[in-house]
Amino acid sequence: MDPVTQSVVQRGDLAHLALFLWASGASGLLMWALRELAASNRRFNDFVNEIARLNAQFRDRE
């Protein structure tokens, strides 16, 4: 067992350990969600730019 974990268990601070693990997991999920949101925004921006480019090409034909 990890020395830090063993020290926490010996002192009876299991609630603190559980809270730390929950907070770490929640923070990790938040970072993942923000990274995915940023990637989604980039993909949508690329899509809008392509539509604008296509509209400009059609406008030039007329």
C-alpha atoms as a PDB file:
ATOM      1  CA  MET A   1       0.000   0.000   0.000  1.00  0.00           C
ATOM      2  CA  ASP A   2       1.187   3.526  -0.762  1.00  0.00           C
ATOM      3  CA  PRO A   3       2.740   5.217   2.300  1.00  0.00           C
ATOM      4  CA  VAL A   4       0.444   8.242   1.963  1.00  0.00           C
ATOM      5  CA  THR A   5      -2.638   6.036   1.741  1.00  0.00           C
ATOM      6  CA  GLN A   6      -1.439   3.937   4.667  1.00  0.00           C
ATOM      7  CA  SER A   7      -0.940   7.078   6.772  1.00  0.00           C
ATOM      8  CA  VAL A   8      -4.441   8.300   5.944  1.00  0.00           C
ATOM      9  CA  VAL A   9      -5.973   4.926   6.784  1.00  0.00           C
ATOM     10  CA  GLN A  10      -4.078   4.718  10.084  1.00  0.00           C
ATOM     11  CA  ARG A  11      -5.316   8.143  11.155  1.00  0.00           C
ATOM     12  CA  GLY A  12      -8.884   7.312  10.178  1.00  0.00           C
ATOM     13  CA  ASP A  13      -9.215  10.018   7.536  1.00  0.00           C
ATOM     14  CA  LEU A  14     -10.998   7.850   5.009  1.00  0.00           C
ATOM     15  CA  ALA A  15     -13.535  10.601   4.357  1.00  0.00           C
ATOM     16  CA  HIS A  16     -10.737  12.967   3.373  1.00  0.00           C
ATOM     17  CA  LEU A  17      -9.254  10.342   1.087  1.00  0.00           C
ATOM     18  CA  ALA A  18     -12.642   9.712  -0.524  1.00  0.00           C
ATOM     19  CA  LEU A  19     -13.186  13.453  -0.977  1.00  0.00           C
ATOM     20  CA  PHE A  20      -9.748  13.847  -2.538  1.00  0.00           C
ATOM     21  CA  LEU A  21     -10.383  10.988  -4.961  1.00  0.00           C
ATOM     22  CA  TRP A  22     -13.797  12.402  -5.890  1.00  0.00           C
ATOM     23  CA  ALA A  23     -12.378  15.890  -6.439  1.00  0.00           C
ATOM     24  CA  SER A  24      -9.521  14.519  -8.540  1.00  0.00           C
ATOM     25  CA  GLY A  25     -11.917  12.517 -10.687  1.00  0.00           C
ATOM     26  CA  ALA A  26     -14.305  15.453 -11.104  1.00  0.00           C
ATOM     27  CA  SER A  27     -11.437  17.765 -12.068  1.00  0.00           C
ATOM     28  CA  GLY A  28     -10.172  15.259 -14.600  1.00  0.00           C
ATOM     29  CA  LEU A  29     -13.611  14.905 -16.160  1.00  0.00           C
ATOM     30  CA  LEU A  30     -13.968  18.691 -16.302  1.00  0.00           C
ATOM     31  CA  MET A  31     -10.652  19.058 -18.119  1.00  0.00           C
ATOM     32  CA  TRP A  32     -11.623  16.333 -20.586  1.00  0.00           C
ATOM     33  CA  ALA A  33     -15.023  17.970 -21.223  1.00  0.00           C
ATOM     34  CA  LEU A  34     -13.444  21.390 -21.793  1.00  0.00           C
ATOM     35  CA  ARG A  35     -10.904  19.900 -24.206  1.00  0.00           C
ATOM     36  CA  GLU A  36     -13.698  18.166 -26.133  1.00  0.00           C
ATOM     37  CA  LEU A  37     -15.748  21.375 -26.194  1.00  0.00           C
ATOM     38  CA  ALA A  38     -12.810  23.329 -27.613  1.00  0.00           C
ATOM     39  CA  ALA A  39     -12.287  20.682 -30.312  1.00  0.00           C
ATOM     40  CA  SER A  40     -15.983  20.765 -31.152  1.00  0.00           C
ATOM     41  CA  ASN A  41     -15.896  24.552 -31.494  1.00  0.00           C
ATOM     42  CA  ARG A  42     -12.897  24.314 -33.832  1.00  0.00           C
ATOM     43  CA  ARG A  43     -14.674  21.743 -36.011  1.00  0.00           C
ATOM     44  CA  PHE A  44     -17.815  23.890 -36.171  1.00  0.00           C
ATOM     45  CA  ASN A  45     -15.740  26.958 -37.065  1.00  0.00           C
ATOM     46  CA  ASP A  46     -14.062  25.002 -39.867  1.00  0.00           C
ATOM     47  CA  PHE A  47     -17.493  23.947 -41.142  1.00  0.00           C
ATOM     48  CA  VAL A  48     -18.790  27.537 -41.155  1.00  0.00           C
ATOM     49  CA  ASN A  49     -15.649  28.723 -42.965  1.00  0.00           C
ATOM     50  CA  GLU A  50     -16.129  26.065 -45.650  1.00  0.00           C
ATOM     51  CA  ILE A  51     -19.775  27.088 -46.126  1.00  0.00           C
ATOM     52  CA  ALA A  52     -18.674  30.733 -46.454  1.00  0.00           C
ATOM     53  CA  ARG A  53     -16.037  29.725 -49.012  1.00  0.00           C
ATOM     54  CA  LEU A  54     -18.615  27.739 -50.976  1.00  0.00           C
ATOM     55  CA  ASN A  55     -21.043  30.675 -50.936  1.00  0.00           C
ATOM     56  CA  ALA A  56     -18.272  32.981 -52.186  1.00  0.00           C
ATOM     57  CA  GLN A  57     -17.563  30.611 -55.081  1.00  0.00           C
ATOM     58  CA  PHE A  58     -21.245  30.512 -56.059  1.00  0.00           C
ATOM     59  CA  ARG A  59     -21.463  34.309 -55.790  1.00  0.00           C
ATOM     60  CA  ASP A  60     -18.423  34.697 -58.104  1.00  0.00           C
ATOM     61  CA  ARG A  61     -20.063  32.493 -60.781  1.00  0.00           C
ATOM     62  CA  GLU A  62     -23.005  34.859 -61.156  1.00  0.00           C
END
